[in-house]
Protein backbone atom coordinates (compact mmCIF):
# COMPACT_ATOMS: atom_id res chain seq x y z
CA MET A 1 17.63 24.53 -15.37
CA ALA A 2 15.87 21.41 -14.06
CA LYS A 3 17.48 19.33 -16.81
CA GLU A 4 20.95 20.64 -15.90
CA HIS A 5 20.28 19.85 -12.23
CA SER A 6 19.22 16.29 -13.16
CA GLU A 7 22.33 15.73 -15.28
CA LYS A 8 24.48 17.09 -12.45
CA ASN A 9 22.92 14.61 -10.04
CA LYS A 10 23.56 11.73 -12.45
CA ILE A 11 27.26 12.64 -12.72
CA SER A 12 27.47 12.96 -8.94
CA ARG A 13 25.74 9.60 -8.40
CA ALA A 14 28.13 7.88 -10.80
CA LYS A 15 30.92 8.48 -8.26
CA TYR A 16 29.05 6.65 -5.50
CA THR A 17 29.22 2.98 -4.65
CA PHE A 18 26.27 1.35 -2.95
CA VAL A 19 26.98 -1.37 -0.41
CA HIS A 20 24.03 -3.54 0.57
CA THR A 21 23.45 -4.41 4.23
CA THR A 22 21.84 -7.82 3.79
CA GLY A 23 24.82 -9.89 4.88
CA SER A 24 24.79 -13.45 3.53
CA LYS A 25 21.09 -13.31 2.61
CA THR A 26 20.50 -12.94 -1.13
CA PHE A 27 18.23 -10.38 -2.75
CA ALA A 28 16.13 -13.24 -4.11
CA GLU A 29 15.49 -14.52 -0.58
CA ILE A 30 14.51 -11.06 0.64
CA ARG A 31 12.28 -10.50 -2.40
CA GLU A 32 10.49 -13.81 -1.74
CA GLU A 33 10.05 -13.00 1.98
CA GLU A 34 8.49 -9.63 1.13
CA ARG A 35 6.30 -11.19 -1.56
CA MET A 36 4.91 -13.69 0.95
CA LYS A 37 4.04 -10.82 3.32
CA ASN A 38 1.76 -9.23 0.71
CA VAL A 39 -1.86 -10.36 0.63
CA ASP A 40 -1.85 -10.52 -3.19
CA ALA A 41 1.62 -12.18 -3.25
CA LYS A 42 2.93 -9.21 -5.24
CA GLU A 43 6.68 -8.74 -5.53
CA PRO A 44 8.15 -5.60 -3.95
CA SER A 45 9.17 -2.87 -6.38
CA ARG A 46 12.82 -2.04 -6.98
CA VAL A 47 12.41 1.09 -4.88
CA GLU A 48 11.17 -1.00 -1.95
CA MET A 49 13.95 -3.56 -2.48
CA PHE A 50 16.64 -0.89 -2.58
CA LEU A 51 15.38 0.69 0.64
CA LEU A 52 15.19 -2.73 2.32
CA THR A 53 18.61 -3.97 1.23
CA HIS A 54 20.63 -0.78 1.71
CA LYS A 55 19.28 0.65 4.96
CA SER A 56 21.68 0.89 7.88
CA LYS A 57 20.98 -1.62 10.65
CA ASN A 58 21.71 0.88 13.44
CA GLY A 59 19.77 3.71 11.82
CA ASN A 60 22.84 5.91 11.24
CA LYS A 61 23.51 7.55 7.90
CA THR A 62 25.74 5.53 5.60
CA LYS A 63 29.05 6.90 4.45
CA ASP A 64 28.45 6.04 0.80
CA GLY A 65 25.85 7.69 -1.46
CA THR A 66 22.97 5.53 -0.21
CA SER A 67 21.46 8.14 2.10
CA ARG A 68 21.33 10.64 -0.75
CA ILE A 69 19.65 8.09 -3.02
CA PHE A 70 17.15 7.38 -0.24
CA SER A 71 16.25 11.07 -0.14
CA GLU A 72 15.92 11.32 -3.92
CA LEU A 73 13.73 8.20 -4.13
CA GLU A 74 11.46 9.38 -1.31
CA GLU A 75 11.17 12.81 -2.94
CA ALA A 76 10.33 11.26 -6.33
CA ILE A 77 7.59 9.09 -4.78
CA THR A 78 6.16 12.08 -2.89
CA LEU A 79 5.97 14.11 -6.11
CA ASN A 80 4.26 11.23 -7.95
CA PRO A 81 0.95 10.28 -6.25
CA GLU A 82 0.53 7.39 -8.72
CA ALA A 83 3.74 5.75 -7.47
CA GLU A 84 1.86 2.99 -5.64
CA GLU A 85 2.10 0.82 -8.78
CA SER A 86 5.31 -1.18 -9.22
CA THR A 87 5.79 -0.10 -12.84
CA THR A 88 5.64 3.57 -11.84
CA GLN A 89 8.11 2.99 -9.00
CA ASP A 90 10.45 1.18 -11.41
CA ASP A 91 10.33 4.23 -13.70
CA LEU A 92 11.19 6.49 -10.75
CA PHE A 93 14.01 4.14 -9.78
CA SER A 94 15.49 4.40 -13.29
CA GLN A 95 15.14 8.19 -13.21
CA VAL A 96 17.08 8.43 -9.95
CA LEU A 97 19.80 5.83 -10.58
CA GLY A 98 19.90 6.03 -14.36
CA LYS A 99 19.48 3.37 -17.05
CA GLU A 100 20.62 -0.18 -16.32
CA ARG A 101 23.91 -1.45 -17.67
CA LEU A 102 24.04 -4.46 -19.98
CA GLY A 103 23.78 -7.64 -17.91
CA PHE A 104 23.08 -5.82 -14.66
CA VAL A 105 19.86 -4.65 -13.02
CA HIS A 106 19.84 -3.01 -9.59
CA THR A 107 18.33 -5.22 -6.82
CA TYR A 108 18.69 -8.32 -9.05
CA ARG A 109 21.53 -10.77 -9.50
CA LYS A 110 24.28 -10.24 -12.06
CA GLY A 111 23.60 -11.47 -15.57
CA VAL A 112 19.97 -10.33 -15.55
CA ALA A 113 19.02 -8.02 -18.41
CA PRO A 114 16.12 -5.52 -18.27
CA THR A 115 14.30 -7.44 -21.03
CA ASP A 116 14.48 -10.61 -18.90
CA LEU A 117 12.40 -8.88 -16.24
CA TRP A 118 10.06 -6.56 -18.09
CA GLY A 119 10.18 -7.73 -21.70
CA THR A 120 10.24 -5.27 -24.57
CA LYS A 121 9.21 -1.62 -24.43
CA SER A 122 5.75 -2.49 -25.76
CA THR A 123 5.27 -5.00 -22.92
CA ILE A 124 6.15 -2.33 -20.37
CA GLU A 125 3.67 0.08 -21.95
CA ILE A 126 0.94 -2.58 -21.81
CA GLN A 127 1.69 -3.18 -18.12
CA LYS A 128 1.43 0.56 -17.48
CA ILE A 129 -2.01 0.60 -19.12
CA ILE A 130 -3.08 -2.40 -17.00
CA ASP A 131 -1.89 -0.63 -13.83
CA GLU A 132 -3.80 2.51 -14.79
CA VAL A 133 -6.99 0.52 -15.44
CA LYS A 134 -6.64 -1.17 -12.04
CA ARG A 135 -6.08 2.18 -10.35
CA ASN A 136 -9.15 3.71 -12.01
CA ALA A 137 -11.23 0.66 -11.09
CA ARG A 138 -10.22 1.00 -7.43
CA VAL A 139 -11.24 4.67 -7.44
CA GLU A 140 -14.62 3.85 -9.01
CA ILE A 141 -15.26 1.07 -6.48
CA GLN A 142 -14.37 3.37 -3.58
CA GLU A 143 -16.71 6.07 -4.88
CA GLU A 144 -19.53 3.56 -5.38
CA MET A 145 -19.04 2.18 -1.87
CA GLN A 146 -19.09 5.72 -0.47
CA VAL A 147 -22.43 6.43 -2.18
CA LYS A 148 -23.94 3.17 -0.88
CA LEU A 149 -22.67 3.87 2.62
CA GLN A 150 -24.20 7.34 2.56
CA GLU A 151 -27.54 5.88 1.41
CA GLN A 152 -27.48 3.35 4.25
CA VAL A 153 -26.68 6.05 6.81
CA GLU A 154 -29.56 8.21 5.58
CA ALA A 155 -31.95 5.23 5.68
CA ILE A 156 -30.91 4.36 9.26
CA LYS A 157 -31.33 7.98 10.36
CA THR A 158 -34.80 8.07 8.81
CA GLU A 159 -35.85 4.81 10.47
CA MET A 160 -34.61 6.08 13.82
CA PHE A 161 -36.56 9.31 13.36
CA ILE A 162 -39.84 7.50 12.65
CA ALA A 163 -39.30 4.96 15.46
CA PHE A 164 -38.55 7.66 18.02
CA LYS A 165 -41.49 9.76 16.86
CA THR A 166 -43.78 6.74 17.29
CA PHE A 167 -42.33 6.11 20.74
CA LEU A 168 -43.04 9.70 21.83
CA ALA A 169 -46.61 9.44 20.55
CA GLN A 170 -47.14 6.25 22.57
CA LEU A 171 -45.56 7.89 25.60
CA GLN A 172 -47.93 10.84 25.31
CA THR A 173 -50.88 8.42 25.16
CA CYS A 174 -49.73 6.65 28.33
CA PHE A 175 -49.07 9.92 30.17
CA PRO A 176 -51.58 12.45 28.80
CA THR A 177 -51.02 14.89 31.68
CA ILE A 178 -47.32 15.28 30.89
CA ALA A 179 -46.43 17.81 28.23
CA ILE A 180 -44.07 16.04 25.85
CA PRO A 181 -42.58 18.32 23.19
CA LYS A 182 -43.30 17.37 19.59
CA PHE A 183 -40.41 15.54 18.08
CA SER A 184 -40.79 17.50 14.85
CA SER A 185 -39.62 20.63 16.69
CA MET A 186 -36.38 18.82 17.60
CA TRP A 187 -35.78 17.71 14.00
CA ASN A 188 -35.30 19.41 10.70
CA PRO A 189 -38.70 20.98 9.92
CA ASN A 190 -38.12 20.47 6.20
CA ILE A 191 -38.26 16.67 6.55
CA ASN A 192 -41.47 15.17 5.25
CA GLU A 193 -42.57 11.91 6.87
CA ARG A 194 -43.95 10.52 3.62
CA ASP A 195 -40.68 11.28 1.86
CA MET A 196 -38.81 9.46 4.61
CA LYS A 197 -41.02 6.38 4.29
CA ASP A 198 -40.53 6.44 0.53
CA LYS A 199 -36.77 6.57 1.05
CA ILE A 200 -36.89 3.61 3.42
CA ASN A 201 -39.03 1.55 1.03
CA SER A 202 -36.78 2.47 -1.89
CA HIS A 203 -33.68 1.47 0.09
CA ARG A 204 -35.23 -1.87 1.08
CA LYS A 205 -36.28 -2.63 -2.51
CA LYS A 206 -32.80 -1.82 -3.75
CA LYS A 207 -31.25 -4.05 -1.10
CA ARG A 208 -33.58 -6.96 -1.98
CA LYS A 209 -32.74 -6.49 -5.66
CA GLU A 210 -29.00 -6.59 -4.94
CA GLU A 211 -29.38 -9.72 -2.79
CA LYS A 212 -31.40 -11.41 -5.55
CA ALA A 213 -28.75 -10.52 -8.14
CA GLN A 214 -26.04 -11.87 -5.84
CA ARG A 215 -27.91 -15.19 -5.42
CA LYS A 216 -28.30 -15.50 -9.20
CA HIS A 217 -24.59 -14.82 -9.65
CA VAL A 218 -23.66 -17.54 -7.13
CA GLU A 219 -26.07 -20.02 -8.76
CA SER A 220 -24.67 -19.21 -12.20
CA LYS A 221 -21.10 -19.76 -11.00
CA SER A 222 -22.12 -23.05 -9.39
CA LYS A 223 -23.74 -24.29 -12.62
CA GLU A 224 -20.71 -23.19 -14.60
CA SER A 225 -18.39 -25.06 -12.24
CA LYS A 226 -20.49 -28.24 -12.46
CA ALA A 227 -20.53 -28.01 -16.26
CA LYS A 228 -16.74 -27.69 -16.39
CA LYS A 229 -16.34 -30.64 -14.05
CA ALA A 230 -18.70 -32.76 -16.16
CA LYS A 231 -16.79 -31.85 -19.32
CA VAL A 232 -13.43 -32.81 -17.77
CA LEU A 233 -14.82 -36.15 -16.58
CA LYS A 234 -16.34 -36.77 -20.00
CA ASP A 235 -13.01 -36.04 -21.71
CA LEU A 236 -11.36 -38.52 -19.34
CA ASN A 237 -14.14 -41.10 -19.99
CA MET A 238 -15.01 -41.16 -16.30
CA PRO A 239 -18.58 -41.23 -14.90
CA GLU A 240 -19.66 -38.09 -13.05
CA HIS A 241 -20.94 -40.21 -10.14
CA PRO A 242 -18.73 -43.35 -9.83
CA PRO A 243 -20.65 -46.48 -8.75
CA THR A 244 -20.29 -47.49 -5.11
CA MET A 245 -19.53 -51.09 -4.21
CA SER A 246 -22.16 -53.03 -2.30
CA PRO A 247 -21.05 -54.15 1.18
CA ASN A 248 -22.23 -57.71 0.29
CA MET A 249 -19.87 -57.92 -2.68
CA ASN A 250 -16.60 -59.72 -2.12
């Protein structure tokens, strides 16, 4: 049933013509503008380009099949949570608008073939694997950062507990006639002060270890950079520290 519905949509879409709304500006210019907006200078996907170049300027629905394609693209992206990668969006684009014709690729100039953009099928598969690895790496980094953040929050809470408890003890010493409630009664009774101190010390040791590892990494990169520079200068037969001319020399 779903397959029949998909084929029906393809036949229906074949009757539509899509008129871009970019005016005299070329797709290449728009693609470059969008690429420059991205922090990583990444090109917009074909889905993003289609939405940018075919949207109505006044916000009204277009009379051609563009509005329907918009809906189908948005629905496809919603149903695919991994659609943040360009390769995945390109796949969705092909599913909605169908395979590209020879010498024509949607959102690119005429005369461009699919292999000119994405290479062979094996190249596309490799890019998909790369995108998946990147996506998994981002998830792992986010999880690791979440764990570290939670550890820092717990350490701060523990330090605050001990500091406030010490403050109350000092306050009781200064004002012995005033009945100050024990702080332990206002806190989780299952918390052990020694355990809290151990947690703080463990957190500090871990932080010092990470800082030390970071310094070593920076030093290693610096040495590596100097070594590369020395090698380049050696290959060019240039001294690493060129002699300076004496001010007395004419």
